[in-house]
Amino acid sequence: MTKEDLIAVGYTKSTAQGIIREAKALMIKKGFAFYNNKRLGSVPKEAIEEITGIKLSE
């Protein structure tokens, strides 16, 4: 998911950016060094769901 996907769901721009930032940090913590990249703006939907606690539909 990207920032734009979160905005489409109803989050504000700054909140969406923060969620993506947190999700990237979570993925890095889980051992996926691939997400340690400033230019990468997408994360797995499961990471977003884990952070927000909300189940997102397809």
N, C-alpha and C. Protein backbone atom coordinates (compact mmCIF):
# COMPACT_ATOMS: atom_id res chain seq x y z
N MET A 1 0.83 -1.17 0.00
CA MET A 1 0.00 0.00 0.00
C MET A 1 0.88 1.24 0.00
N THR A 2 0.36 2.29 -0.58
CA THR A 2 1.08 3.55 -0.64
C THR A 2 0.32 4.62 0.14
N LYS A 3 0.95 5.78 0.24
CA LYS A 3 0.32 6.91 0.91
C LYS A 3 -1.00 7.26 0.22
N GLU A 4 -1.01 7.20 -1.09
CA GLU A 4 -2.22 7.53 -1.85
C GLU A 4 -3.36 6.56 -1.55
N ASP A 5 -3.03 5.28 -1.36
CA ASP A 5 -4.05 4.29 -0.99
C ASP A 5 -4.68 4.63 0.35
N LEU A 6 -3.85 5.05 1.31
CA LEU A 6 -4.36 5.40 2.63
C LEU A 6 -5.21 6.67 2.58
N ILE A 7 -4.82 7.61 1.75
CA ILE A 7 -5.61 8.84 1.58
C ILE A 7 -6.97 8.49 0.99
N ALA A 8 -7.00 7.55 0.03
CA ALA A 8 -8.26 7.13 -0.58
C ALA A 8 -9.17 6.45 0.43
N VAL A 9 -8.60 5.79 1.42
CA VAL A 9 -9.39 5.13 2.47
C VAL A 9 -9.98 6.16 3.43
N GLY A 10 -9.33 7.33 3.55
CA GLY A 10 -9.89 8.38 4.39
C GLY A 10 -8.92 9.04 5.35
N TYR A 11 -7.66 8.63 5.32
CA TYR A 11 -6.66 9.26 6.19
C TYR A 11 -6.20 10.59 5.58
N THR A 12 -5.77 11.51 6.43
CA THR A 12 -5.22 12.76 5.92
C THR A 12 -3.82 12.49 5.38
N LYS A 13 -3.30 13.44 4.62
CA LYS A 13 -1.98 13.26 4.00
C LYS A 13 -0.90 13.02 5.04
N SER A 14 -0.88 13.84 6.09
CA SER A 14 0.18 13.70 7.10
C SER A 14 0.04 12.41 7.90
N THR A 15 -1.18 12.00 8.19
CA THR A 15 -1.39 10.75 8.90
C THR A 15 -0.96 9.57 8.04
N ALA A 16 -1.29 9.61 6.76
CA ALA A 16 -0.91 8.55 5.84
C ALA A 16 0.61 8.44 5.75
N GLN A 17 1.29 9.57 5.68
CA GLN A 17 2.75 9.57 5.63
C GLN A 17 3.33 8.95 6.90
N GLY A 18 2.76 9.29 8.04
CA GLY A 18 3.24 8.75 9.31
C GLY A 18 3.04 7.25 9.41
N ILE A 19 1.90 6.77 8.91
CA ILE A 19 1.62 5.34 8.94
C ILE A 19 2.61 4.59 8.06
N ILE A 20 2.88 5.12 6.87
CA ILE A 20 3.86 4.50 5.97
C ILE A 20 5.23 4.47 6.63
N ARG A 21 5.60 5.57 7.28
CA ARG A 21 6.91 5.65 7.95
C ARG A 21 7.00 4.59 9.05
N GLU A 22 5.94 4.46 9.85
CA GLU A 22 5.93 3.46 10.91
C GLU A 22 5.97 2.05 10.35
N ALA A 23 5.24 1.81 9.26
CA ALA A 23 5.21 0.48 8.65
C ALA A 23 6.58 0.10 8.10
N LYS A 24 7.27 1.07 7.51
CA LYS A 24 8.62 0.80 7.02
C LYS A 24 9.56 0.45 8.17
N ALA A 25 9.44 1.18 9.28
CA ALA A 25 10.27 0.89 10.45
C ALA A 25 9.96 -0.50 11.00
N LEU A 26 8.69 -0.88 10.99
CA LEU A 26 8.28 -2.20 11.45
C LEU A 26 8.88 -3.29 10.56
N MET A 27 8.84 -3.08 9.26
CA MET A 27 9.38 -4.08 8.33
C MET A 27 10.90 -4.19 8.49
N ILE A 28 11.57 -3.09 8.73
CA ILE A 28 13.02 -3.11 8.97
C ILE A 28 13.31 -3.89 10.25
N LYS A 29 12.50 -3.65 11.26
CA LYS A 29 12.67 -4.34 12.55
C LYS A 29 12.48 -5.85 12.40
N LYS A 30 11.59 -6.24 11.47
CA LYS A 30 11.33 -7.66 11.23
C LYS A 30 12.44 -8.31 10.39
N GLY A 31 13.40 -7.50 9.92
CA GLY A 31 14.52 -8.06 9.19
C GLY A 31 14.51 -7.83 7.70
N PHE A 32 13.59 -7.04 7.21
CA PHE A 32 13.51 -6.75 5.78
C PHE A 32 14.26 -5.45 5.49
N ALA A 33 15.58 -5.55 5.29
CA ALA A 33 16.42 -4.38 5.07
C ALA A 33 16.04 -3.63 3.79
N PHE A 34 15.33 -4.29 2.90
CA PHE A 34 14.86 -3.68 1.65
C PHE A 34 14.07 -2.40 1.91
N TYR A 35 13.37 -2.33 3.04
CA TYR A 35 12.53 -1.16 3.35
C TYR A 35 13.32 0.00 3.93
N ASN A 36 14.62 -0.16 4.11
CA ASN A 36 15.46 0.92 4.61
C ASN A 36 15.92 1.77 3.42
N ASN A 37 14.95 2.38 2.74
CA ASN A 37 15.19 3.13 1.52
C ASN A 37 14.24 4.32 1.49
N LYS A 38 14.78 5.52 1.42
CA LYS A 38 13.95 6.73 1.42
C LYS A 38 12.97 6.78 0.26
N ARG A 39 13.38 6.29 -0.88
CA ARG A 39 12.55 6.40 -2.08
C ARG A 39 11.41 5.38 -2.14
N LEU A 40 11.50 4.36 -1.33
CA LEU A 40 10.46 3.34 -1.33
C LEU A 40 9.25 3.87 -0.58
N GLY A 41 8.11 3.89 -1.25
CA GLY A 41 6.91 4.47 -0.63
C GLY A 41 5.77 3.49 -0.46
N SER A 42 6.03 2.21 -0.65
CA SER A 42 4.96 1.23 -0.49
C SER A 42 5.37 0.17 0.53
N VAL A 43 4.38 -0.32 1.24
CA VAL A 43 4.59 -1.34 2.26
C VAL A 43 3.47 -2.37 2.14
N PRO A 44 3.68 -3.56 2.70
CA PRO A 44 2.62 -4.57 2.64
C PRO A 44 1.39 -4.15 3.43
N LYS A 45 0.24 -4.55 2.94
CA LYS A 45 -1.03 -4.23 3.59
C LYS A 45 -1.06 -4.77 5.01
N GLU A 46 -0.44 -5.92 5.24
CA GLU A 46 -0.43 -6.53 6.56
C GLU A 46 0.28 -5.64 7.58
N ALA A 47 1.32 -4.93 7.16
CA ALA A 47 2.03 -4.03 8.06
C ALA A 47 1.13 -2.86 8.45
N ILE A 48 0.38 -2.33 7.51
CA ILE A 48 -0.57 -1.24 7.78
C ILE A 48 -1.63 -1.71 8.76
N GLU A 49 -2.15 -2.92 8.53
CA GLU A 49 -3.19 -3.46 9.41
C GLU A 49 -2.65 -3.67 10.82
N GLU A 50 -1.40 -4.10 10.93
CA GLU A 50 -0.79 -4.33 12.25
C GLU A 50 -0.64 -3.02 13.02
N ILE A 51 -0.29 -1.96 12.34
CA ILE A 51 -0.10 -0.66 12.98
C ILE A 51 -1.42 -0.03 13.38
N THR A 52 -2.36 -0.01 12.44
CA THR A 52 -3.64 0.67 12.70
C THR A 52 -4.61 -0.18 13.51
N GLY A 53 -4.47 -1.49 13.42
CA GLY A 53 -5.41 -2.37 14.10
C GLY A 53 -6.74 -2.50 13.37
N ILE A 54 -6.76 -2.03 12.13
CA ILE A 54 -7.98 -2.06 11.33
C ILE A 54 -7.76 -2.99 10.13
N LYS A 55 -8.68 -3.90 9.91
CA LYS A 55 -8.60 -4.82 8.77
C LYS A 55 -9.03 -4.07 7.52
N LEU A 56 -8.13 -4.00 6.53
CA LEU A 56 -8.43 -3.29 5.29
C LEU A 56 -8.92 -4.27 4.24
N SER A 57 -9.88 -3.87 3.44
CA SER A 57 -10.38 -4.74 2.38
C SER A 57 -9.49 -4.62 1.16
N GLU A 58 -9.65 -5.54 0.26
CA GLU A 58 -8.83 -5.57 -0.96
C GLU A 58 -9.03 -4.35 -1.81
